[in-house]
Amino acid sequence: MARQVVLSLEDKYDEKLRRLAKDLFDGRKGAMSDVVEKGLDLVEEESKRDKAYTKLLKKVRNARAVGIGTFKREEAYAR
């Protein structure tokens, strides 16, 4: 169900919103709402991505080193 929301935007953002509505949705009825909805979806997606990236970085930083240990070059190529 669609709900009516009243926003106060600075002139530059009002112009940008109207231009995007015209460019992306041919200025049809409801185009400004579509632009706002699409923007909200993008912001939500970006927020989820940032949280996942932060979580991954935390895991990487807390991971312990793994490997086979130290060895000499001769040991690596020993036959």
Protein backbone atom coordinates (compact mmCIF):
# COMPACT_ATOMS: atom_id res chain seq x y z
CA MET A 1 0.00 0.00 0.00
CA ALA A 2 1.44 3.33 -1.01
CA ARG A 3 1.63 6.07 1.61
CA GLN A 4 2.07 9.74 1.04
CA VAL A 5 5.25 11.29 2.47
CA VAL A 6 6.16 14.97 2.45
CA LEU A 7 9.85 15.82 2.04
CA SER A 8 11.75 19.07 2.20
CA LEU A 9 14.66 19.11 -0.23
CA GLU A 10 17.19 21.74 -1.12
CA ASP A 11 16.76 23.11 -4.62
CA LYS A 12 19.71 21.18 -6.05
CA TYR A 13 18.29 17.86 -4.80
CA ASP A 14 14.80 18.73 -6.01
CA GLU A 15 16.20 19.41 -9.48
CA LYS A 16 18.24 16.22 -9.37
CA LEU A 17 15.20 14.16 -8.32
CA ARG A 18 13.05 15.59 -11.08
CA ARG A 19 15.80 15.11 -13.69
CA LEU A 20 16.32 11.49 -12.66
CA ALA A 21 12.57 10.85 -12.74
CA LYS A 22 12.40 12.26 -16.24
CA ASP A 23 15.53 10.45 -17.50
CA LEU A 24 14.96 7.05 -15.90
CA PHE A 25 11.18 6.77 -16.00
CA ASP A 26 10.24 9.15 -18.82
CA GLY A 27 8.53 11.47 -16.35
CA ARG A 28 5.49 9.20 -16.09
CA LYS A 29 3.12 9.34 -13.14
CA GLY A 30 4.82 8.06 -9.99
CA ALA A 31 8.31 8.48 -11.45
CA MET A 32 9.58 10.54 -8.52
CA SER A 33 8.36 7.87 -6.11
CA ASP A 34 10.12 5.22 -8.20
CA VAL A 35 13.39 7.16 -8.04
CA VAL A 36 13.14 7.51 -4.25
CA GLU A 37 12.25 3.81 -3.83
CA LYS A 38 15.15 2.75 -6.03
CA GLY A 39 17.49 5.03 -4.07
CA LEU A 40 16.34 3.55 -0.77
CA ASP A 41 16.96 0.04 -2.10
CA LEU A 42 20.46 1.03 -3.19
CA VAL A 43 21.27 2.61 0.18
CA GLU A 44 20.03 -0.50 1.98
CA GLU A 45 22.08 -2.76 -0.30
CA GLU A 46 25.19 -0.64 0.22
CA SER A 47 24.69 -0.73 3.99
CA LYS A 48 24.48 -4.55 3.97
CA ARG A 49 27.58 -4.75 1.79
CA ASP A 50 29.50 -2.42 4.14
CA LYS A 51 28.51 -4.51 7.16
CA ALA A 52 29.60 -7.72 5.42
CA TYR A 53 32.90 -6.12 4.39
CA THR A 54 33.54 -4.92 7.96
CA LYS A 55 32.74 -8.38 9.32
CA LEU A 56 35.09 -10.00 6.79
CA LEU A 57 37.91 -7.57 7.60
CA LYS A 58 37.49 -8.28 11.31
CA LYS A 59 37.76 -12.02 10.66
CA VAL A 60 40.82 -11.57 8.46
CA ARG A 61 42.57 -9.39 11.03
CA ASN A 62 41.83 -11.86 13.83
CA ALA A 63 42.83 -14.93 11.81
CA ARG A 64 45.95 -16.70 12.87
CA ALA A 65 48.73 -17.29 10.43
CA VAL A 66 48.67 -20.61 8.64
CA GLY A 67 51.31 -22.25 6.57
CA ILE A 68 53.89 -25.00 6.54
CA GLY A 69 56.42 -23.17 8.71
CA THR A 70 59.90 -22.07 7.87
CA PHE A 71 62.24 -24.02 5.66
CA LYS A 72 65.43 -23.60 3.74
CA ARG A 73 65.50 -23.29 -0.02
CA GLU A 74 67.43 -26.56 -0.30
CA GLU A 75 64.70 -28.38 1.61
CA ALA A 76 62.02 -27.06 -0.74
CA TYR A 77 63.85 -28.40 -3.79
CA ALA A 78 65.27 -31.53 -2.22
CA ARG A 79 64.91 -34.66 -4.26
